[in-house]
Amino acid sequence: MALQMIDAAGGTDADYEALMAPVSLPLIERRDDCLTIGDASKGADVEVKLFEATGKPVYRAVAQVPSS
């Protein structure tokens, strides 16, 4: 959700900094788990640490995600 808002705001680094954390981090408490893929990302690293701190699962490959 935050990425669409950042894009609509202009997509600059300043837009990213202003919107990413305030939008995505509060949503962590509503999510059950996390899938992180791709290269390192400061923002994703923060999210992963928050998931791990609350004991929620963090998957690092699609193959790790349980089927429903």
C-alpha atoms as a PDB file:
ATOM      1  CA  MET A   1       0.000   0.000   0.000  1.00  0.00           C
ATOM      2  CA  ALA A   2       2.778   2.439   0.845  1.00  0.00           C
ATOM      3  CA  LEU A   3       4.505   1.966  -2.510  1.00  0.00           C
ATOM      4  CA  GLN A   4       1.420   3.126  -4.434  1.00  0.00           C
ATOM      5  CA  MET A   5       1.176   6.187  -2.194  1.00  0.00           C
ATOM      6  CA  ILE A   6       4.859   6.968  -2.708  1.00  0.00           C
ATOM      7  CA  ASP A   7       4.456   6.646  -6.467  1.00  0.00           C
ATOM      8  CA  ALA A   8       1.394   8.935  -6.434  1.00  0.00           C
ATOM      9  CA  ALA A   9       3.321  11.501  -4.393  1.00  0.00           C
ATOM     10  CA  GLY A  10       6.072  11.662  -7.023  1.00  0.00           C
ATOM     11  CA  GLY A  11       8.261   8.684  -6.179  1.00  0.00           C
ATOM     12  CA  THR A  12      11.231  10.651  -4.868  1.00  0.00           C
ATOM     13  CA  ASP A  13      13.527   9.517  -2.046  1.00  0.00           C
ATOM     14  CA  ALA A  14      11.942  12.205   0.128  1.00  0.00           C
ATOM     15  CA  ASP A  15       8.473  10.775  -0.624  1.00  0.00           C
ATOM     16  CA  TYR A  16       9.740   7.320   0.334  1.00  0.00           C
ATOM     17  CA  GLU A  17      11.174   8.558   3.630  1.00  0.00           C
ATOM     18  CA  ALA A  18       8.014  10.519   4.457  1.00  0.00           C
ATOM     19  CA  LEU A  19       5.560   7.704   3.713  1.00  0.00           C
ATOM     20  CA  MET A  20       7.076   4.231   3.963  1.00  0.00           C
ATOM     21  CA  ALA A  21       7.544   3.825   7.701  1.00  0.00           C
ATOM     22  CA  PRO A  22       4.411   5.708   8.817  1.00  0.00           C
ATOM     23  CA  VAL A  23       2.234   3.638   6.475  1.00  0.00           C
ATOM     24  CA  SER A  24       3.787   0.171   6.538  1.00  0.00           C
ATOM     25  CA  LEU A  25       5.092  -0.253  10.094  1.00  0.00           C
ATOM     26  CA  PRO A  26       1.743   0.218  11.887  1.00  0.00           C
ATOM     27  CA  LEU A  27       0.249  -2.482   9.641  1.00  0.00           C
ATOM     28  CA  ILE A  28       2.624  -5.104  11.067  1.00  0.00           C
ATOM     29  CA  GLU A  29       0.382  -5.708  14.048  1.00  0.00           C
ATOM     30  CA  ARG A  30      -2.438  -6.664  11.642  1.00  0.00           C
ATOM     31  CA  ARG A  31      -0.332  -9.080   9.619  1.00  0.00           C
ATOM     32  CA  ASP A  32       0.276 -12.737  10.501  1.00  0.00           C
ATOM     33  CA  ASP A  33       3.627 -13.257   8.819  1.00  0.00           C
ATOM     34  CA  CYS A  34       6.178 -11.748   6.458  1.00  0.00           C
ATOM     35  CA  LEU A  35       7.732 -12.793   3.146  1.00  0.00           C
ATOM     36  CA  THR A  36      10.931 -10.966   2.302  1.00  0.00           C
ATOM     37  CA  ILE A  37      12.600 -11.514  -1.063  1.00  0.00           C
ATOM     38  CA  GLY A  38      15.190  -9.743  -3.154  1.00  0.00           C
ATOM     39  CA  ASP A  39      18.091  -7.537  -2.235  1.00  0.00           C
ATOM     40  CA  ALA A  40      18.744  -5.971   1.145  1.00  0.00           C
ATOM     41  CA  SER A  41      16.544  -3.039   2.083  1.00  0.00           C
ATOM     42  CA  LYS A  42      16.795  -0.825   5.136  1.00  0.00           C
ATOM     43  CA  GLY A  43      13.016  -0.583   5.398  1.00  0.00           C
ATOM     44  CA  ALA A  44      12.458  -4.305   4.914  1.00  0.00           C
ATOM     45  CA  ASP A  45      15.129  -5.053   7.510  1.00  0.00           C
ATOM     46  CA  VAL A  46      13.232  -2.926  10.037  1.00  0.00           C
ATOM     47  CA  GLU A  47       9.987  -4.766   9.249  1.00  0.00           C
ATOM     48  CA  VAL A  48      11.663  -8.173   9.569  1.00  0.00           C
ATOM     49  CA  LYS A  49      13.100  -7.230  12.971  1.00  0.00           C
ATOM     50  CA  LEU A  50       9.660  -6.134  14.172  1.00  0.00           C
ATOM     51  CA  PHE A  51       8.116  -9.412  13.009  1.00  0.00           C
ATOM     52  CA  GLU A  52      10.858 -11.410  14.695  1.00  0.00           C
ATOM     53  CA  ALA A  53      10.501  -9.396  17.903  1.00  0.00           C
ATOM     54  CA  THR A  54       6.817 -10.298  18.102  1.00  0.00           C
ATOM     55  CA  GLY A  55       7.462 -13.971  17.304  1.00  0.00           C
ATOM     56  CA  LYS A  56       5.675 -13.815  13.965  1.00  0.00           C
ATOM     57  CA  PRO A  57       7.074 -15.973  11.155  1.00  0.00           C
ATOM     58  CA  VAL A  58       9.427 -14.461   8.584  1.00  0.00           C
ATOM     59  CA  TYR A  59       9.842 -16.383   5.319  1.00  0.00           C
ATOM     60  CA  ARG A  60      12.822 -15.720   3.094  1.00  0.00           C
ATOM     61  CA  ALA A  61      11.676 -17.765   0.091  1.00  0.00           C
ATOM     62  CA  VAL A  62       8.288 -18.474  -1.451  1.00  0.00           C
ATOM     63  CA  ALA A  63       8.904 -22.208  -0.933  1.00  0.00           C
ATOM     64  CA  GLN A  64       8.942 -21.620   2.855  1.00  0.00           C
ATOM     65  CA  VAL A  65       5.417 -20.180   2.921  1.00  0.00           C
ATOM     66  CA  PRO A  66       2.942 -22.815   4.105  1.00  0.00           C
ATOM     67  CA  SER A  67       0.122 -23.640   1.728  1.00  0.00           C
ATOM     68  CA  SER A  68      -3.327 -22.703   2.908  1.00  0.00           C
END
